[in-house]
Amino acid sequence: MNPTTVEQLYEQQIKLLPAAERLRLVAIITRDLATPTVTAKPRLRRLLELEGLGAGIWEGIDAQEYVNDLRKEWDSRP
């Protein structure tokens, strides 16, 4: 299928249809969206599989300095 935006598809194909056909298309899409889809059951993961995720977020940040800043913030709260 050609990479086409929804707007292009509408302008080039759907808008040209008679009103009754466009309403029929809306009904088909509505039915499709209302029908629950079967999704794969999510796989259970072990906690250790998460090790290292998000490590880049903390790159260049001193842990002790971060904790000290948090404590200062807590102390200044009303």
N, C-alpha and C. Protein backbone atom coordinates (compact mmCIF):
# COMPACT_ATOMS: atom_id res chain seq x y z
N MET A 1 0.85 -1.18 0.00
CA MET A 1 0.00 0.00 0.00
C MET A 1 0.89 1.24 0.00
N ASN A 2 0.53 2.21 -0.76
CA ASN A 2 1.26 3.47 -0.83
C ASN A 2 1.19 4.19 0.50
N PRO A 3 2.30 4.73 0.97
CA PRO A 3 2.21 5.52 2.20
C PRO A 3 1.38 6.77 1.96
N THR A 4 0.18 6.79 2.49
CA THR A 4 -0.76 7.88 2.28
C THR A 4 -1.29 8.32 3.63
N THR A 5 -1.47 9.61 3.80
CA THR A 5 -2.06 10.08 5.04
C THR A 5 -3.56 9.83 5.00
N VAL A 6 -4.15 9.83 6.15
CA VAL A 6 -5.59 9.63 6.24
C VAL A 6 -6.32 10.74 5.49
N GLU A 7 -5.80 11.95 5.60
CA GLU A 7 -6.42 13.09 4.92
C GLU A 7 -6.39 12.91 3.40
N GLN A 8 -5.25 12.43 2.89
CA GLN A 8 -5.14 12.19 1.44
C GLN A 8 -6.10 11.10 1.00
N LEU A 9 -6.18 10.04 1.79
CA LEU A 9 -7.09 8.94 1.48
C LEU A 9 -8.52 9.44 1.44
N TYR A 10 -8.87 10.27 2.42
CA TYR A 10 -10.22 10.82 2.45
C TYR A 10 -10.50 11.67 1.21
N GLU A 11 -9.60 12.59 0.91
CA GLU A 11 -9.80 13.51 -0.22
C GLU A 11 -9.85 12.77 -1.55
N GLN A 12 -8.98 11.78 -1.72
CA GLN A 12 -8.85 11.11 -3.01
C GLN A 12 -9.86 9.99 -3.23
N GLN A 13 -10.32 9.37 -2.16
CA GLN A 13 -11.18 8.20 -2.31
C GLN A 13 -12.55 8.35 -1.65
N ILE A 14 -12.54 8.66 -0.38
CA ILE A 14 -13.77 8.60 0.40
C ILE A 14 -14.70 9.77 0.10
N LYS A 15 -14.15 10.96 0.01
CA LYS A 15 -14.96 12.15 -0.23
C LYS A 15 -15.74 12.06 -1.55
N LEU A 16 -15.21 11.31 -2.49
CA LEU A 16 -15.84 11.16 -3.81
C LEU A 16 -17.05 10.21 -3.79
N LEU A 17 -17.18 9.42 -2.74
CA LEU A 17 -18.29 8.48 -2.65
C LEU A 17 -19.59 9.22 -2.37
N PRO A 18 -20.70 8.65 -2.81
CA PRO A 18 -22.01 9.24 -2.46
C PRO A 18 -22.21 9.19 -0.94
N ALA A 19 -23.05 10.08 -0.44
CA ALA A 19 -23.28 10.19 1.01
C ALA A 19 -23.70 8.85 1.62
N ALA A 20 -24.54 8.10 0.95
CA ALA A 20 -24.99 6.82 1.49
C ALA A 20 -23.82 5.85 1.67
N GLU A 21 -22.89 5.85 0.73
CA GLU A 21 -21.73 4.97 0.83
C GLU A 21 -20.79 5.43 1.94
N ARG A 22 -20.66 6.73 2.12
CA ARG A 22 -19.81 7.23 3.20
C ARG A 22 -20.42 6.87 4.56
N LEU A 23 -21.76 6.95 4.67
CA LEU A 23 -22.42 6.54 5.91
C LEU A 23 -22.22 5.06 6.16
N ARG A 24 -22.28 4.27 5.11
CA ARG A 24 -22.06 2.84 5.23
C ARG A 24 -20.63 2.57 5.71
N LEU A 25 -19.68 3.33 5.21
CA LEU A 25 -18.30 3.20 5.62
C LEU A 25 -18.13 3.56 7.09
N VAL A 26 -18.79 4.61 7.53
CA VAL A 26 -18.76 5.00 8.94
C VAL A 26 -19.31 3.87 9.80
N ALA A 27 -20.38 3.24 9.37
CA ALA A 27 -20.97 2.14 10.13
C ALA A 27 -20.00 0.97 10.22
N ILE A 28 -19.32 0.68 9.13
CA ILE A 28 -18.35 -0.43 9.12
C ILE A 28 -17.20 -0.12 10.08
N ILE A 29 -16.69 1.10 10.02
CA ILE A 29 -15.58 1.48 10.90
C ILE A 29 -16.03 1.47 12.36
N THR A 30 -17.23 1.96 12.63
CA THR A 30 -17.76 1.98 13.99
C THR A 30 -17.89 0.57 14.54
N ARG A 31 -18.43 -0.34 13.73
CA ARG A 31 -18.55 -1.74 14.14
C ARG A 31 -17.18 -2.34 14.44
N ASP A 32 -16.23 -2.03 13.57
CA ASP A 32 -14.88 -2.56 13.73
C ASP A 32 -14.25 -2.06 15.03
N LEU A 33 -14.43 -0.78 15.32
CA LEU A 33 -13.85 -0.22 16.53
C LEU A 33 -14.55 -0.71 17.79
N ALA A 34 -15.82 -1.05 17.68
CA ALA A 34 -16.58 -1.51 18.84
C ALA A 34 -16.30 -2.97 19.16
N THR A 35 -15.77 -3.70 18.21
CA THR A 35 -15.48 -5.12 18.40
C THR A 35 -14.16 -5.26 19.16
N PRO A 36 -14.22 -5.91 20.31
CA PRO A 36 -12.96 -6.05 21.05
C PRO A 36 -12.00 -6.94 20.28
N THR A 37 -10.76 -6.55 20.29
CA THR A 37 -9.75 -7.34 19.61
C THR A 37 -9.06 -8.25 20.61
N VAL A 38 -8.67 -9.40 20.16
CA VAL A 38 -7.97 -10.35 21.01
C VAL A 38 -6.50 -9.95 21.03
N THR A 39 -6.01 -9.69 22.19
CA THR A 39 -4.60 -9.33 22.31
C THR A 39 -3.85 -10.45 23.01
N ALA A 40 -2.59 -10.55 22.72
CA ALA A 40 -1.78 -11.57 23.36
C ALA A 40 -1.65 -11.27 24.85
N LYS A 41 -1.66 -12.31 25.62
CA LYS A 41 -1.51 -12.16 27.07
C LYS A 41 -0.10 -11.67 27.36
N PRO A 42 0.03 -10.60 28.13
CA PRO A 42 1.38 -10.11 28.41
C PRO A 42 2.19 -11.13 29.18
N ARG A 43 3.43 -11.25 28.80
CA ARG A 43 4.32 -12.22 29.42
C ARG A 43 4.80 -11.68 30.75
N LEU A 44 4.79 -12.51 31.75
CA LEU A 44 5.32 -12.12 33.06
C LEU A 44 6.83 -12.00 32.95
N ARG A 45 7.37 -10.99 33.59
CA ARG A 45 8.81 -10.77 33.53
C ARG A 45 9.41 -10.90 34.92
N ARG A 46 10.64 -11.29 34.94
CA ARG A 46 11.38 -11.34 36.20
C ARG A 46 11.91 -9.95 36.49
N LEU A 47 12.01 -9.61 37.74
CA LEU A 47 12.49 -8.31 38.14
C LEU A 47 13.90 -8.03 37.60
N LEU A 48 14.72 -9.03 37.57
CA LEU A 48 16.10 -8.84 37.11
C LEU A 48 16.18 -8.49 35.62
N GLU A 49 15.13 -8.76 34.85
CA GLU A 49 15.12 -8.38 33.44
C GLU A 49 15.10 -6.86 33.26
N LEU A 50 14.68 -6.16 34.30
CA LEU A 50 14.60 -4.70 34.23
C LEU A 50 15.92 -4.02 34.59
N GLU A 51 16.88 -4.81 35.03
CA GLU A 51 18.16 -4.25 35.45
C GLU A 51 18.80 -3.45 34.32
N GLY A 52 19.21 -2.23 34.63
CA GLY A 52 19.90 -1.39 33.67
C GLY A 52 18.99 -0.53 32.81
N LEU A 53 17.70 -0.78 32.83
CA LEU A 53 16.79 0.06 32.04
C LEU A 53 16.76 1.46 32.63
N GLY A 54 16.87 2.44 31.80
CA GLY A 54 16.82 3.82 32.25
C GLY A 54 18.13 4.31 32.84
N ALA A 55 19.20 3.52 32.71
CA ALA A 55 20.48 3.92 33.28
C ALA A 55 20.98 5.22 32.67
N GLY A 56 20.68 5.44 31.41
CA GLY A 56 21.14 6.65 30.73
C GLY A 56 20.57 7.92 31.33
N ILE A 57 19.41 7.82 31.96
CA ILE A 57 18.78 9.00 32.56
C ILE A 57 19.65 9.56 33.67
N TRP A 58 20.35 8.67 34.37
CA TRP A 58 21.15 9.08 35.53
C TRP A 58 22.60 9.37 35.17
N GLU A 59 22.94 9.26 33.90
CA GLU A 59 24.32 9.48 33.48
C GLU A 59 24.76 10.91 33.80
N GLY A 60 25.90 11.03 34.48
CA GLY A 60 26.44 12.34 34.81
C GLY A 60 25.85 12.97 36.06
N ILE A 61 24.97 12.23 36.76
CA ILE A 61 24.35 12.77 37.97
C ILE A 61 24.96 12.06 39.18
N ASP A 62 25.48 12.85 40.11
CA ASP A 62 26.05 12.29 41.33
C ASP A 62 24.91 11.90 42.27
N ALA A 63 24.92 10.63 42.69
CA ALA A 63 23.82 10.10 43.50
C ALA A 63 23.67 10.85 44.82
N GLN A 64 24.79 11.09 45.50
CA GLN A 64 24.71 11.75 46.80
C GLN A 64 24.22 13.19 46.66
N GLU A 65 24.68 13.86 45.62
CA GLU A 65 24.24 15.23 45.38
C GLU A 65 22.74 15.27 45.08
N TYR A 66 22.26 14.28 44.34
CA TYR A 66 20.83 14.18 44.02
C TYR A 66 20.01 14.01 45.30
N VAL A 67 20.46 13.11 46.16
CA VAL A 67 19.75 12.86 47.41
C VAL A 67 19.76 14.11 48.29
N ASN A 68 20.91 14.77 48.35
CA ASN A 68 20.99 16.00 49.15
C ASN A 68 20.02 17.06 48.64
N ASP A 69 19.92 17.21 47.31
CA ASP A 69 18.98 18.18 46.73
C ASP A 69 17.54 17.82 47.08
N LEU A 70 17.22 16.53 47.05
CA LEU A 70 15.86 16.11 47.41
C LEU A 70 15.56 16.46 48.87
N ARG A 71 16.52 16.20 49.73
CA ARG A 71 16.31 16.49 51.15
C ARG A 71 16.11 17.99 51.39
N LYS A 72 16.88 18.81 50.68
CA LYS A 72 16.70 20.27 50.79
C LYS A 72 15.29 20.66 50.35
N GLU A 73 14.84 20.04 49.25
CA GLU A 73 13.49 20.33 48.73
C GLU A 73 12.44 19.93 49.76
N TRP A 74 12.60 18.78 50.39
CA TRP A 74 11.64 18.31 51.39
C TRP A 74 11.61 19.27 52.58
N ASP A 75 12.79 19.73 52.99
CA ASP A 75 12.86 20.63 54.15
C ASP A 75 12.19 21.98 53.88
N SER A 76 12.19 22.41 52.63
CA SER A 76 11.62 23.74 52.31
C SER A 76 10.12 23.69 52.03
N ARG A 77 9.54 22.49 52.03
CA ARG A 77 8.08 22.38 51.80
C ARG A 77 7.32 22.78 53.05
N PRO A 78 6.15 23.41 52.84
CA PRO A 78 5.34 23.81 54.01
C PRO A 78 4.72 22.63 54.73
